[in-house]
C-alpha atoms as a PDB file:
ATOM      1  CA  UNK A   1      59.996  60.811 -13.017  1.00  0.00           C
ATOM      2  CA  UNK A   2      62.378  58.762 -10.886  1.00  0.00           C
ATOM      3  CA  UNK A   3      62.077  58.830  -7.126  1.00  0.00           C
ATOM      4  CA  UNK A   4      64.531  61.096  -5.375  1.00  0.00           C
ATOM      5  CA  UNK A   5      67.602  59.370  -4.035  1.00  0.00           C
ATOM      6  CA  UNK A   6      68.133  61.881  -1.234  1.00  0.00           C
ATOM      7  CA  UNK A   7      65.417  63.578   0.777  1.00  0.00           C
ATOM      8  CA  UNK A   8      65.162  67.342   0.388  1.00  0.00           C
ATOM      9  CA  UNK A   9      66.650  69.083   3.398  1.00  0.00           C
ATOM     10  CA  UNK A  10      66.528  72.643   4.682  1.00  0.00           C
ATOM     11  CA  UNK A  11      70.071  73.042   3.328  1.00  0.00           C
ATOM     12  CA  UNK A  12      68.760  72.069  -0.124  1.00  0.00           C
ATOM     13  CA  UNK A  13      65.991  74.636   0.152  1.00  0.00           C
ATOM     14  CA  UNK A  14      68.484  77.323   1.175  1.00  0.00           C
ATOM     15  CA  UNK A  15      70.720  76.429  -1.775  1.00  0.00           C
ATOM     16  CA  UNK A  16      67.675  76.541  -4.052  1.00  0.00           C
ATOM     17  CA  UNK A  17      66.780  80.036  -2.849  1.00  0.00           C
ATOM     18  CA  UNK A  18      70.404  81.153  -3.220  1.00  0.00           C
ATOM     19  CA  UNK A  19      70.614  79.591  -6.715  1.00  0.00           C
ATOM     20  CA  UNK A  20      73.590  77.541  -5.566  1.00  0.00           C
ATOM     21  CA  UNK A  21      72.792  73.999  -6.656  1.00  0.00           C
ATOM     22  CA  UNK A  22      73.347  71.769  -9.637  1.00  0.00           C
ATOM     23  CA  UNK A  23      70.600  71.579 -12.244  1.00  0.00           C
ATOM     24  CA  UNK A  24      69.788  67.911 -11.569  1.00  0.00           C
ATOM     25  CA  UNK A  25      69.270  68.542  -7.858  1.00  0.00           C
ATOM     26  CA  UNK A  26      67.292  71.705  -8.613  1.00  0.00           C
ATOM     27  CA  UNK A  27      64.878  69.608 -10.694  1.00  0.00           C
ATOM     28  CA  UNK A  28      64.497  67.163  -7.807  1.00  0.00           C
ATOM     29  CA  UNK A  29      63.814  70.005  -5.360  1.00  0.00           C
ATOM     30  CA  UNK A  30      61.233  71.514  -7.716  1.00  0.00           C
ATOM     31  CA  UNK A  31      59.510  68.121  -7.997  1.00  0.00           C
ATOM     32  CA  UNK A  32      59.425  67.944  -4.197  1.00  0.00           C
ATOM     33  CA  UNK A  33      58.043  71.474  -3.935  1.00  0.00           C
ATOM     34  CA  UNK A  34      55.271  70.616  -6.406  1.00  0.00           C
ATOM     35  CA  UNK A  35      53.974  68.071  -3.905  1.00  0.00           C
ATOM     36  CA  UNK A  36      54.454  70.172  -0.757  1.00  0.00           C
ATOM     37  CA  UNK A  37      52.476  73.421  -1.056  1.00  0.00           C
ATOM     38  CA  UNK A  38      53.281  74.631   2.464  1.00  0.00           C
ATOM     39  CA  UNK A  39      57.020  74.227   1.925  1.00  0.00           C
ATOM     40  CA  UNK A  40      56.704  75.771  -1.539  1.00  0.00           C
ATOM     41  CA  UNK A  41      54.970  78.810  -0.055  1.00  0.00           C
ATOM     42  CA  UNK A  42      57.813  79.244   2.429  1.00  0.00           C
ATOM     43  CA  UNK A  43      60.392  78.965  -0.346  1.00  0.00           C
ATOM     44  CA  UNK A  44      58.493  81.505  -2.459  1.00  0.00           C
ATOM     45  CA  UNK A  45      58.499  83.882   0.505  1.00  0.00           C
ATOM     46  CA  UNK A  46      62.245  83.373   0.894  1.00  0.00           C
ATOM     47  CA  UNK A  47      62.748  84.040  -2.829  1.00  0.00           C
ATOM     48  CA  UNK A  48      60.762  87.257  -2.534  1.00  0.00           C
ATOM     49  CA  UNK A  49      62.808  88.374   0.475  1.00  0.00           C
ATOM     50  CA  UNK A  50      66.023  87.567  -1.410  1.00  0.00           C
ATOM     51  CA  UNK A  51      64.901  89.641  -4.387  1.00  0.00           C
ATOM     52  CA  UNK A  52      63.824  92.545  -2.179  1.00  0.00           C
ATOM     53  CA  UNK A  53      67.247  92.542  -0.512  1.00  0.00           C
ATOM     54  CA  UNK A  54      68.980  92.546  -3.885  1.00  0.00           C
ATOM     55  CA  UNK A  55      66.924  95.552  -4.987  1.00  0.00           C
ATOM     56  CA  UNK A  56      67.659  97.432  -1.760  1.00  0.00           C
END
C-alpha cells in the first residue's frame, strides 16, 4: 500500500466516525488505525457512542 500523503488528523477521525469522508481517504484512515491500536480503540468507542445515540 502507498504511504499516506496527508497525516490523519482528529478532523479525519471525526469524519470517519460520522461517515462523512470519501472512500479513498477512508481507506487511508483505516490503514492508519490498523497500526495505532490506542487510536483505533478511541474511534471504536466513538462509533459505539454514535450508534447508541442513533438508537436513542
